Amino acid sequence: MGNVRSSAVQGSEKSSRRGRRSTTMDGMPLNDMPWWRWRVNVRSALHMLSDPVFQRECWLTGLPGYGDVTDAVYRLVEDTWLDNWSAEKYIGTIFRDPAEANLVDVAVLRVLRIMHQVGADAPVSAYLEHHAWPEAVRAAREAHVRLAANDGDEPDVPPRPLDVLAQLTRIA
């Protein structure tokens, strides 16, 4: 992970710093943060990683449209390289403040530790049954709730399917 860089650099040219706001995603201006598309992906991953009911009902059963735990981990670290450096690097671009960055760092470290122990291709059950999974879920929940609250979103709605995520992050 971290070896795949997205060729679609998230454009700060549409940043709200120019005084212009676009449409919203659950109340969050889509261009509120310079790299909002990366933020949307990180939030989606944290949301899925933080919801044990979702994990049992969607991931464990293989419900189509939501990927699996490995997909969520890749969404969390793929563009951001949070598997290689701290979220502090992105304060003001993906994360609003040090509190968000710290919570994300804790969640990333806990999830990656488990992923390295069970293997990226392990079945979902290997993650869910891992002795440290509840703590990883708790850390992801803390980060998810903080980011959702800072964006004015309700943290307890069910995670969105990946096709909806793709529509939200599409460049108009």
N, C-alpha and C. Protein backbone atom coordinates (compact mmCIF):
# COMPACT_ATOMS: atom_id res chain seq x y z
N MET A 1 0.83 -1.18 0.00
CA MET A 1 0.00 0.00 0.00
C MET A 1 0.87 1.23 0.00
N GLY A 2 0.33 2.32 -0.46
CA GLY A 2 1.10 3.53 -0.53
C GLY A 2 1.95 3.60 -1.77
N ASN A 3 2.04 2.51 -2.52
CA ASN A 3 2.85 2.50 -3.72
C ASN A 3 2.07 2.96 -4.94
N VAL A 4 0.76 3.03 -4.80
CA VAL A 4 -0.09 3.43 -5.92
C VAL A 4 -0.50 4.88 -5.70
N ARG A 5 -0.07 5.75 -6.57
CA ARG A 5 -0.43 7.16 -6.46
C ARG A 5 -1.51 7.46 -7.47
N SER A 6 -2.50 8.19 -7.06
CA SER A 6 -3.58 8.56 -7.98
C SER A 6 -3.08 9.61 -8.95
N SER A 7 -3.40 9.42 -10.22
CA SER A 7 -2.99 10.40 -11.21
C SER A 7 -3.93 11.60 -11.21
N ALA A 8 -5.05 11.46 -10.57
CA ALA A 8 -6.00 12.57 -10.50
C ALA A 8 -5.73 13.37 -9.24
N VAL A 9 -4.87 14.34 -9.35
CA VAL A 9 -4.54 15.19 -8.21
C VAL A 9 -5.78 15.98 -7.86
N GLN A 10 -6.09 16.02 -6.60
CA GLN A 10 -7.30 16.70 -6.17
C GLN A 10 -7.08 18.20 -6.28
N GLY A 11 -7.88 18.81 -7.11
CA GLY A 11 -7.67 20.19 -7.48
C GLY A 11 -8.05 21.20 -6.44
N SER A 12 -7.07 21.94 -5.99
CA SER A 12 -7.36 23.04 -5.10
C SER A 12 -7.82 24.26 -5.90
N GLU A 13 -7.85 24.12 -7.23
CA GLU A 13 -8.31 25.23 -8.05
C GLU A 13 -9.79 25.51 -7.80
N LYS A 14 -10.50 24.58 -7.23
CA LYS A 14 -11.90 24.79 -6.91
C LYS A 14 -12.07 25.05 -5.42
N SER A 15 -11.04 25.41 -4.76
CA SER A 15 -11.07 25.64 -3.33
C SER A 15 -11.98 26.80 -2.97
N SER A 16 -12.58 26.70 -1.79
CA SER A 16 -13.44 27.78 -1.32
C SER A 16 -12.63 29.03 -1.00
N ARG A 17 -11.32 28.92 -1.04
CA ARG A 17 -10.48 30.10 -0.78
C ARG A 17 -10.72 31.19 -1.82
N ARG A 18 -11.28 30.82 -2.95
CA ARG A 18 -11.59 31.80 -3.98
C ARG A 18 -12.93 32.46 -3.69
N GLY A 19 -13.57 32.08 -2.56
CA GLY A 19 -14.81 32.69 -2.17
C GLY A 19 -16.04 32.08 -2.83
N ARG A 20 -15.86 31.01 -3.55
CA ARG A 20 -16.95 30.37 -4.28
C ARG A 20 -17.20 28.99 -3.69
N ARG A 21 -18.45 28.67 -3.47
CA ARG A 21 -18.80 27.35 -2.94
C ARG A 21 -19.66 26.61 -3.94
N SER A 22 -19.43 25.32 -4.04
CA SER A 22 -20.22 24.51 -4.96
C SER A 22 -21.39 23.88 -4.20
N THR A 23 -21.96 22.88 -4.78
CA THR A 23 -23.04 22.16 -4.12
C THR A 23 -22.49 21.46 -2.89
N THR A 24 -23.37 20.85 -2.12
CA THR A 24 -22.94 20.21 -0.89
C THR A 24 -23.13 18.71 -0.94
N MET A 25 -22.39 18.04 -0.06
CA MET A 25 -22.56 16.62 0.17
C MET A 25 -22.93 16.50 1.63
N ASP A 26 -24.18 16.23 1.91
CA ASP A 26 -24.67 16.17 3.29
C ASP A 26 -24.30 17.43 4.06
N GLY A 27 -24.44 18.57 3.44
CA GLY A 27 -24.19 19.83 4.11
C GLY A 27 -22.76 20.31 4.05
N MET A 28 -21.81 19.46 3.64
CA MET A 28 -20.41 19.87 3.55
C MET A 28 -20.16 20.43 2.16
N PRO A 29 -19.73 21.69 2.07
CA PRO A 29 -19.40 22.19 0.73
C PRO A 29 -18.36 21.28 0.09
N LEU A 30 -18.62 20.86 -1.12
CA LEU A 30 -17.75 19.89 -1.77
C LEU A 30 -16.33 20.40 -1.91
N ASN A 31 -16.16 21.70 -1.96
CA ASN A 31 -14.80 22.22 -2.10
C ASN A 31 -14.37 22.97 -0.85
N ASP A 32 -14.94 22.63 0.27
CA ASP A 32 -14.60 23.25 1.54
C ASP A 32 -13.14 23.00 1.91
N MET A 33 -12.67 21.78 1.67
CA MET A 33 -11.27 21.43 1.91
C MET A 33 -10.61 21.29 0.55
N PRO A 34 -9.36 21.76 0.41
CA PRO A 34 -8.71 21.69 -0.91
C PRO A 34 -8.70 20.30 -1.53
N TRP A 35 -8.51 19.29 -0.72
CA TRP A 35 -8.47 17.93 -1.25
C TRP A 35 -9.69 17.17 -0.78
N TRP A 36 -10.87 17.74 -0.97
CA TRP A 36 -12.11 17.17 -0.43
C TRP A 36 -12.39 15.77 -0.97
N ARG A 37 -11.98 15.46 -2.19
CA ARG A 37 -12.23 14.11 -2.71
C ARG A 37 -11.46 13.07 -1.89
N TRP A 38 -10.24 13.40 -1.49
CA TRP A 38 -9.48 12.49 -0.64
C TRP A 38 -10.17 12.37 0.71
N ARG A 39 -10.67 13.50 1.23
CA ARG A 39 -11.37 13.49 2.51
C ARG A 39 -12.60 12.58 2.43
N VAL A 40 -13.34 12.66 1.34
CA VAL A 40 -14.52 11.82 1.16
C VAL A 40 -14.13 10.34 1.20
N ASN A 41 -13.04 9.97 0.54
CA ASN A 41 -12.59 8.58 0.55
C ASN A 41 -12.14 8.13 1.94
N VAL A 42 -11.40 8.99 2.63
CA VAL A 42 -10.95 8.66 3.99
C VAL A 42 -12.16 8.50 4.90
N ARG A 43 -13.11 9.44 4.79
CA ARG A 43 -14.31 9.35 5.62
C ARG A 43 -15.10 8.09 5.33
N SER A 44 -15.24 7.73 4.07
CA SER A 44 -15.97 6.52 3.70
C SER A 44 -15.31 5.29 4.33
N ALA A 45 -14.00 5.21 4.22
CA ALA A 45 -13.27 4.07 4.79
C ALA A 45 -13.43 4.02 6.30
N LEU A 46 -13.24 5.15 6.97
CA LEU A 46 -13.39 5.18 8.43
C LEU A 46 -14.81 4.80 8.83
N HIS A 47 -15.79 5.27 8.06
CA HIS A 47 -17.19 4.96 8.34
C HIS A 47 -17.41 3.44 8.33
N MET A 48 -16.94 2.79 7.27
CA MET A 48 -17.11 1.34 7.16
C MET A 48 -16.32 0.60 8.23
N LEU A 49 -15.11 1.05 8.49
CA LEU A 49 -14.27 0.40 9.49
C LEU A 49 -14.78 0.60 10.91
N SER A 50 -15.65 1.59 11.10
CA SER A 50 -16.11 1.92 12.44
C SER A 50 -17.48 1.34 12.78
N ASP A 51 -18.09 0.62 11.87
CA ASP A 51 -19.46 0.17 12.05
C ASP A 51 -19.56 -1.36 12.07
N PRO A 52 -19.57 -1.97 13.26
CA PRO A 52 -19.60 -3.43 13.35
C PRO A 52 -20.87 -4.05 12.75
N VAL A 53 -22.00 -3.37 12.85
CA VAL A 53 -23.23 -3.90 12.25
C VAL A 53 -23.08 -3.95 10.74
N PHE A 54 -22.58 -2.86 10.15
CA PHE A 54 -22.31 -2.83 8.71
C PHE A 54 -21.36 -3.97 8.33
N GLN A 55 -20.30 -4.15 9.10
CA GLN A 55 -19.30 -5.18 8.78
C GLN A 55 -19.92 -6.57 8.77
N ARG A 56 -20.80 -6.86 9.73
CA ARG A 56 -21.45 -8.17 9.77
C ARG A 56 -22.47 -8.32 8.65
N GLU A 57 -23.28 -7.26 8.41
CA GLU A 57 -24.37 -7.37 7.44
C GLU A 57 -23.91 -7.21 5.99
N CYS A 58 -22.83 -6.49 5.77
CA CYS A 58 -22.39 -6.23 4.39
C CYS A 58 -21.11 -6.99 4.04
N TRP A 59 -20.06 -6.76 4.82
CA TRP A 59 -18.78 -7.38 4.48
C TRP A 59 -18.80 -8.89 4.72
N LEU A 60 -19.26 -9.30 5.87
CA LEU A 60 -19.22 -10.71 6.22
C LEU A 60 -20.13 -11.54 5.30
N THR A 61 -21.23 -10.96 4.87
CA THR A 61 -22.15 -11.68 3.98
C THR A 61 -21.78 -11.52 2.51
N GLY A 62 -20.83 -10.61 2.21
CA GLY A 62 -20.42 -10.40 0.83
C GLY A 62 -21.42 -9.60 0.02
N LEU A 63 -22.20 -8.76 0.69
CA LEU A 63 -23.18 -7.94 -0.01
C LEU A 63 -22.49 -7.11 -1.09
N PRO A 64 -22.94 -7.21 -2.33
CA PRO A 64 -22.29 -6.47 -3.41
C PRO A 64 -22.44 -4.95 -3.23
N GLY A 65 -21.44 -4.23 -3.72
CA GLY A 65 -21.51 -2.78 -3.74
C GLY A 65 -20.75 -2.08 -2.64
N TYR A 66 -20.22 -2.82 -1.69
CA TYR A 66 -19.53 -2.21 -0.56
C TYR A 66 -18.06 -2.60 -0.44
N GLY A 67 -17.58 -3.42 -1.33
CA GLY A 67 -16.19 -3.88 -1.22
C GLY A 67 -16.02 -4.73 0.02
N ASP A 68 -14.78 -4.77 0.51
CA ASP A 68 -14.51 -5.50 1.74
C ASP A 68 -13.55 -4.69 2.59
N VAL A 69 -13.09 -5.28 3.65
CA VAL A 69 -12.22 -4.55 4.58
C VAL A 69 -10.94 -4.08 3.90
N THR A 70 -10.39 -4.88 3.01
CA THR A 70 -9.16 -4.48 2.31
C THR A 70 -9.42 -3.28 1.42
N ASP A 71 -10.57 -3.25 0.75
CA ASP A 71 -10.93 -2.09 -0.06
C ASP A 71 -10.99 -0.83 0.80
N ALA A 72 -11.57 -0.95 1.98
CA ALA A 72 -11.68 0.21 2.87
C ALA A 72 -10.30 0.69 3.32
N VAL A 73 -9.42 -0.25 3.63
CA VAL A 73 -8.07 0.13 4.04
C VAL A 73 -7.35 0.84 2.90
N TYR A 74 -7.48 0.34 1.70
CA TYR A 74 -6.85 1.00 0.56
C TYR A 74 -7.42 2.40 0.35
N ARG A 75 -8.74 2.55 0.49
CA ARG A 75 -9.35 3.88 0.36
C ARG A 75 -8.81 4.83 1.42
N LEU A 76 -8.53 4.30 2.59
CA LEU A 76 -8.02 5.09 3.70
C LEU A 76 -6.60 5.59 3.43
N VAL A 77 -5.77 4.78 2.81
CA VAL A 77 -4.35 5.13 2.69
C VAL A 77 -3.86 5.35 1.26
N GLU A 78 -4.65 5.00 0.26
CA GLU A 78 -4.16 4.99 -1.12
C GLU A 78 -3.61 6.33 -1.60
N ASP A 79 -4.44 7.35 -1.67
CA ASP A 79 -4.00 8.65 -2.16
C ASP A 79 -3.20 9.42 -1.12
N THR A 80 -3.50 9.17 0.13
CA THR A 80 -2.90 9.94 1.22
C THR A 80 -1.55 9.42 1.68
N TRP A 81 -1.29 8.19 1.42
CA TRP A 81 -0.07 7.53 1.90
C TRP A 81 0.01 7.55 3.42
N LEU A 82 -1.13 7.47 4.07
CA LEU A 82 -1.14 7.48 5.54
C LEU A 82 -0.51 6.23 6.13
N ASP A 83 -0.18 5.28 5.27
CA ASP A 83 0.58 4.12 5.74
C ASP A 83 2.08 4.43 5.78
N ASN A 84 2.46 5.58 5.26
CA ASN A 84 3.88 5.97 5.24
C ASN A 84 4.20 7.20 6.08
N TRP A 85 3.21 8.05 6.31
CA TRP A 85 3.46 9.24 7.13
C TRP A 85 2.20 9.69 7.84
N SER A 86 2.37 10.61 8.74
CA SER A 86 1.30 11.06 9.61
C SER A 86 0.27 11.91 8.88
N ALA A 87 -0.95 11.83 9.38
CA ALA A 87 -2.03 12.67 8.87
C ALA A 87 -1.77 14.15 9.13
N GLU A 88 -0.87 14.45 10.06
CA GLU A 88 -0.51 15.86 10.33
C GLU A 88 -0.06 16.56 9.06
N LYS A 89 0.52 15.81 8.15
CA LYS A 89 1.00 16.36 6.88
C LYS A 89 -0.14 17.01 6.10
N TYR A 90 -1.37 16.59 6.36
CA TYR A 90 -2.53 17.05 5.58
C TYR A 90 -3.46 17.99 6.34
N ILE A 91 -3.01 18.52 7.46
CA ILE A 91 -3.84 19.50 8.17
C ILE A 91 -4.01 20.71 7.26
N GLY A 92 -5.25 21.08 7.05
CA GLY A 92 -5.57 22.21 6.18
C GLY A 92 -5.85 21.82 4.75
N THR A 93 -5.61 20.57 4.41
CA THR A 93 -5.91 20.11 3.05
C THR A 93 -6.95 18.99 3.07
N ILE A 94 -6.70 17.95 3.86
CA ILE A 94 -7.66 16.86 4.03
C ILE A 94 -8.29 16.94 5.41
N PHE A 95 -7.48 17.27 6.40
CA PHE A 95 -7.95 17.31 7.78
C PHE A 95 -7.98 18.75 8.27
N ARG A 96 -9.00 19.06 9.04
CA ARG A 96 -9.23 20.43 9.48
C ARG A 96 -8.28 20.88 10.59
N ASP A 97 -7.90 19.95 11.46
CA ASP A 97 -7.13 20.37 12.63
C ASP A 97 -6.31 19.19 13.16
N PRO A 98 -5.43 19.47 14.11
CA PRO A 98 -4.59 18.39 14.68
C PRO A 98 -5.41 17.29 15.35
N ALA A 99 -6.55 17.62 15.92
CA ALA A 99 -7.37 16.60 16.58
C ALA A 99 -7.86 15.57 15.56
N GLU A 100 -8.33 16.03 14.41
CA GLU A 100 -8.73 15.09 13.36
C GLU A 100 -7.55 14.24 12.93
N ALA A 101 -6.44 14.88 12.66
CA ALA A 101 -5.26 14.16 12.18
C ALA A 101 -4.81 13.10 13.20
N ASN A 102 -4.79 13.45 14.47
CA ASN A 102 -4.37 12.49 15.50
C ASN A 102 -5.30 11.29 15.56
N LEU A 103 -6.60 11.53 15.50
CA LEU A 103 -7.56 10.42 15.54
C LEU A 103 -7.41 9.52 14.32
N VAL A 104 -7.20 10.11 13.16
CA VAL A 104 -7.01 9.32 11.94
C VAL A 104 -5.73 8.50 12.04
N ASP A 105 -4.66 9.10 12.53
CA ASP A 105 -3.41 8.35 12.69
C ASP A 105 -3.59 7.12 13.57
N VAL A 106 -4.29 7.28 14.69
CA VAL A 106 -4.51 6.14 15.59
C VAL A 106 -5.29 5.05 14.87
N ALA A 107 -6.35 5.43 14.17
CA ALA A 107 -7.16 4.44 13.45
C ALA A 107 -6.34 3.73 12.38
N VAL A 108 -5.59 4.48 11.60
CA VAL A 108 -4.77 3.89 10.53
C VAL A 108 -3.78 2.89 11.11
N LEU A 109 -3.09 3.26 12.15
CA LEU A 109 -2.09 2.37 12.74
C LEU A 109 -2.71 1.07 13.26
N ARG A 110 -3.87 1.18 13.91
CA ARG A 110 -4.50 -0.02 14.46
C ARG A 110 -5.00 -0.94 13.35
N VAL A 111 -5.61 -0.36 12.32
CA VAL A 111 -6.13 -1.18 11.23
C VAL A 111 -4.98 -1.82 10.44
N LEU A 112 -3.94 -1.04 10.15
CA LEU A 112 -2.80 -1.58 9.39
C LEU A 112 -2.07 -2.68 10.15
N ARG A 113 -1.97 -2.53 11.45
CA ARG A 113 -1.30 -3.56 12.26
C ARG A 113 -2.03 -4.90 12.09
N ILE A 114 -3.35 -4.85 12.14
CA ILE A 114 -4.14 -6.07 11.97
C ILE A 114 -3.99 -6.60 10.54
N MET A 115 -4.06 -5.70 9.57
CA MET A 115 -3.93 -6.12 8.18
C MET A 115 -2.59 -6.82 7.94
N HIS A 116 -1.53 -6.30 8.53
CA HIS A 116 -0.22 -6.94 8.36
C HIS A 116 -0.15 -8.28 9.07
N GLN A 117 -0.90 -8.44 10.13
CA GLN A 117 -0.89 -9.71 10.85
C GLN A 117 -1.72 -10.77 10.15
N VAL A 118 -2.89 -10.40 9.62
CA VAL A 118 -3.76 -11.41 9.00
C VAL A 118 -3.54 -11.53 7.50
N GLY A 119 -2.98 -10.48 6.89
CA GLY A 119 -2.74 -10.48 5.46
C GLY A 119 -3.83 -9.75 4.70
N ALA A 120 -3.41 -9.03 3.68
CA ALA A 120 -4.35 -8.20 2.91
C ALA A 120 -5.43 -9.04 2.23
N ASP A 121 -5.12 -10.28 1.89
CA ASP A 121 -6.09 -11.12 1.19
C ASP A 121 -6.86 -12.04 2.14
N ALA A 122 -6.76 -11.78 3.43
CA ALA A 122 -7.47 -12.62 4.40
C ALA A 122 -8.98 -12.40 4.27
N PRO A 123 -9.74 -13.41 4.60
CA PRO A 123 -11.20 -13.22 4.58
C PRO A 123 -11.62 -12.19 5.64
N VAL A 124 -12.76 -11.60 5.41
CA VAL A 124 -13.28 -10.59 6.34
C VAL A 124 -13.34 -11.14 7.76
N SER A 125 -13.70 -12.40 7.90
CA SER A 125 -13.82 -13.00 9.23
C SER A 125 -12.50 -12.96 10.00
N ALA A 126 -11.36 -13.03 9.30
CA ALA A 126 -10.06 -12.98 9.98
C ALA A 126 -9.87 -11.62 10.66
N TYR A 127 -10.34 -10.58 10.03
CA TYR A 127 -10.27 -9.25 10.64
C TYR A 127 -11.23 -9.16 11.83
N LEU A 128 -12.48 -9.51 11.58
CA LEU A 128 -13.51 -9.37 12.60
C LEU A 128 -13.26 -10.23 13.83
N GLU A 129 -12.55 -11.35 13.65
CA GLU A 129 -12.26 -12.24 14.77
C GLU A 129 -10.91 -11.93 15.43
N HIS A 130 -10.14 -11.02 14.87
CA HIS A 130 -8.83 -10.68 15.44
C HIS A 130 -9.03 -10.04 16.81
N HIS A 131 -8.19 -10.42 17.75
CA HIS A 131 -8.33 -9.93 19.12
C HIS A 131 -8.26 -8.40 19.23
N ALA A 132 -7.58 -7.73 18.32
CA ALA A 132 -7.44 -6.27 18.40
C ALA A 132 -8.48 -5.53 17.55
N TRP A 133 -9.34 -6.27 16.84
CA TRP A 133 -10.32 -5.61 15.96
C TRP A 133 -11.25 -4.65 16.70
N PRO A 134 -11.78 -5.01 17.87
CA PRO A 134 -12.66 -4.06 18.56
C PRO A 134 -11.99 -2.71 18.84
N GLU A 135 -10.71 -2.74 19.17
CA GLU A 135 -10.00 -1.48 19.42
C GLU A 135 -9.79 -0.71 18.12
N ALA A 136 -9.54 -1.40 17.03
CA ALA A 136 -9.41 -0.74 15.72
C ALA A 136 -10.74 -0.10 15.33
N VAL A 137 -11.83 -0.82 15.56
CA VAL A 137 -13.17 -0.29 15.26
C VAL A 137 -13.43 0.95 16.11
N ARG A 138 -13.08 0.90 17.36
CA ARG A 138 -13.28 2.04 18.28
C ARG A 138 -12.47 3.25 17.80
N ALA A 139 -11.24 3.04 17.40
CA ALA A 139 -10.40 4.15 16.91
C ALA A 139 -10.97 4.72 15.62
N ALA A 140 -11.42 3.85 14.71
CA ALA A 140 -12.03 4.33 13.47
C ALA A 140 -13.30 5.10 13.77
N ARG A 141 -14.07 4.64 14.74
CA ARG A 141 -15.31 5.32 15.13
C ARG A 141 -15.01 6.73 15.65
N GLU A 142 -14.02 6.85 16.51
CA GLU A 142 -13.67 8.17 17.05
C GLU A 142 -13.28 9.13 15.92
N ALA A 143 -12.49 8.64 14.99
CA ALA A 143 -12.08 9.49 13.86
C ALA A 143 -13.27 9.81 12.97
N HIS A 144 -14.08 8.80 12.67
CA HIS A 144 -15.26 9.01 11.81
C HIS A 144 -16.21 10.04 12.43
N VAL A 145 -16.50 9.91 13.70
CA VAL A 145 -17.43 10.83 14.37
C VAL A 145 -16.88 12.25 14.34
N ARG A 146 -15.60 12.41 14.60
CA ARG A 146 -15.00 13.75 14.60
C ARG A 146 -15.07 14.39 13.21
N LEU A 147 -14.68 13.64 12.18
CA LEU A 147 -14.72 14.19 10.82
C LEU A 147 -16.15 14.49 10.38
N ALA A 148 -17.08 13.58 10.68
CA ALA A 148 -18.48 13.81 10.31
C ALA A 148 -19.03 15.05 11.02
N ALA A 149 -18.75 15.16 12.31
CA ALA A 149 -19.24 16.32 13.06
C ALA A 149 -18.66 17.62 12.51
N ASN A 150 -17.38 17.61 12.20
CA ASN A 150 -16.74 18.81 11.65
C ASN A 150 -17.28 19.17 10.28
N ASP A 151 -17.85 18.19 9.57
CA ASP A 151 -18.42 18.45 8.26
C ASP A 151 -19.93 18.70 8.34
N GLY A 152 -20.47 18.66 9.55
CA GLY A 152 -21.90 18.88 9.72
C GLY A 152 -22.76 17.71 9.30
N ASP A 153 -22.19 16.51 9.30
CA ASP A 153 -22.91 15.31 8.89
C ASP A 153 -23.30 14.47 10.10
N GLU A 154 -24.30 13.65 9.92
CA GLU A 154 -24.75 12.70 10.93
C GLU A 154 -23.88 11.45 10.84
N PRO A 155 -23.14 11.12 11.88
CA PRO A 155 -22.22 9.98 11.81
C PRO A 155 -22.89 8.61 11.83
N ASP A 156 -24.14 8.54 12.24
CA ASP A 156 -24.77 7.23 12.44
C ASP A 156 -25.62 6.74 11.29
N VAL A 157 -25.60 7.43 10.15
CA VAL A 157 -26.30 6.90 8.98
C VAL A 157 -25.47 5.73 8.44
N PRO A 158 -26.10 4.79 7.76
CA PRO A 158 -25.33 3.66 7.21
C PRO A 158 -24.32 4.12 6.16
N PRO A 159 -23.21 3.42 6.04
CA PRO A 159 -22.23 3.76 4.99
C PRO A 159 -22.85 3.66 3.61
N ARG A 160 -22.37 4.49 2.72
CA ARG A 160 -22.85 4.51 1.34
C ARG A 160 -22.18 3.42 0.51
N PRO A 161 -22.91 2.89 -0.49
CA PRO A 161 -22.27 1.95 -1.42
C PRO A 161 -21.17 2.66 -2.21
N LEU A 162 -20.25 1.89 -2.75
CA LEU A 162 -19.10 2.47 -3.45
C LEU A 162 -19.50 3.20 -4.73
N ASP A 163 -20.59 2.80 -5.39
CA ASP A 163 -21.01 3.52 -6.59
C ASP A 163 -21.50 4.93 -6.23
N VAL A 164 -22.11 5.10 -5.08
CA VAL A 164 -22.53 6.43 -4.63
C VAL A 164 -21.29 7.26 -4.30
N LEU A 165 -20.32 6.64 -3.65
CA LEU A 165 -19.06 7.33 -3.36
C LEU A 165 -18.40 7.81 -4.65
N ALA A 166 -18.41 6.97 -5.67
CA ALA A 166 -17.81 7.34 -6.96
C ALA A 166 -18.55 8.53 -7.57
N GLN A 167 -19.86 8.58 -7.46
CA GLN A 167 -20.63 9.71 -7.98
C GLN A 167 -20.32 10.99 -7.21
N LEU A 168 -20.16 10.87 -5.89
CA LEU A 168 -19.87 12.04 -5.06
C LEU A 168 -18.51 12.65 -5.38
N THR A 169 -17.58 11.82 -5.77
CA THR A 169 -16.22 12.31 -5.99
C THR A 169 -15.91 12.55 -7.47
N ARG A 170 -16.90 12.38 -8.30
CA ARG A 170 -16.71 12.64 -9.73
C ARG A 170 -16.51 14.13 -9.96
N ILE A 171 -15.60 14.45 -10.82
CA ILE A 171 -15.35 15.84 -11.18
C ILE A 171 -16.40 16.24 -12.21
N ALA A 172 -17.12 17.30 -11.90
CA ALA A 172 -18.19 17.75 -12.80
C ALA A 172 -17.64 18.43 -14.03
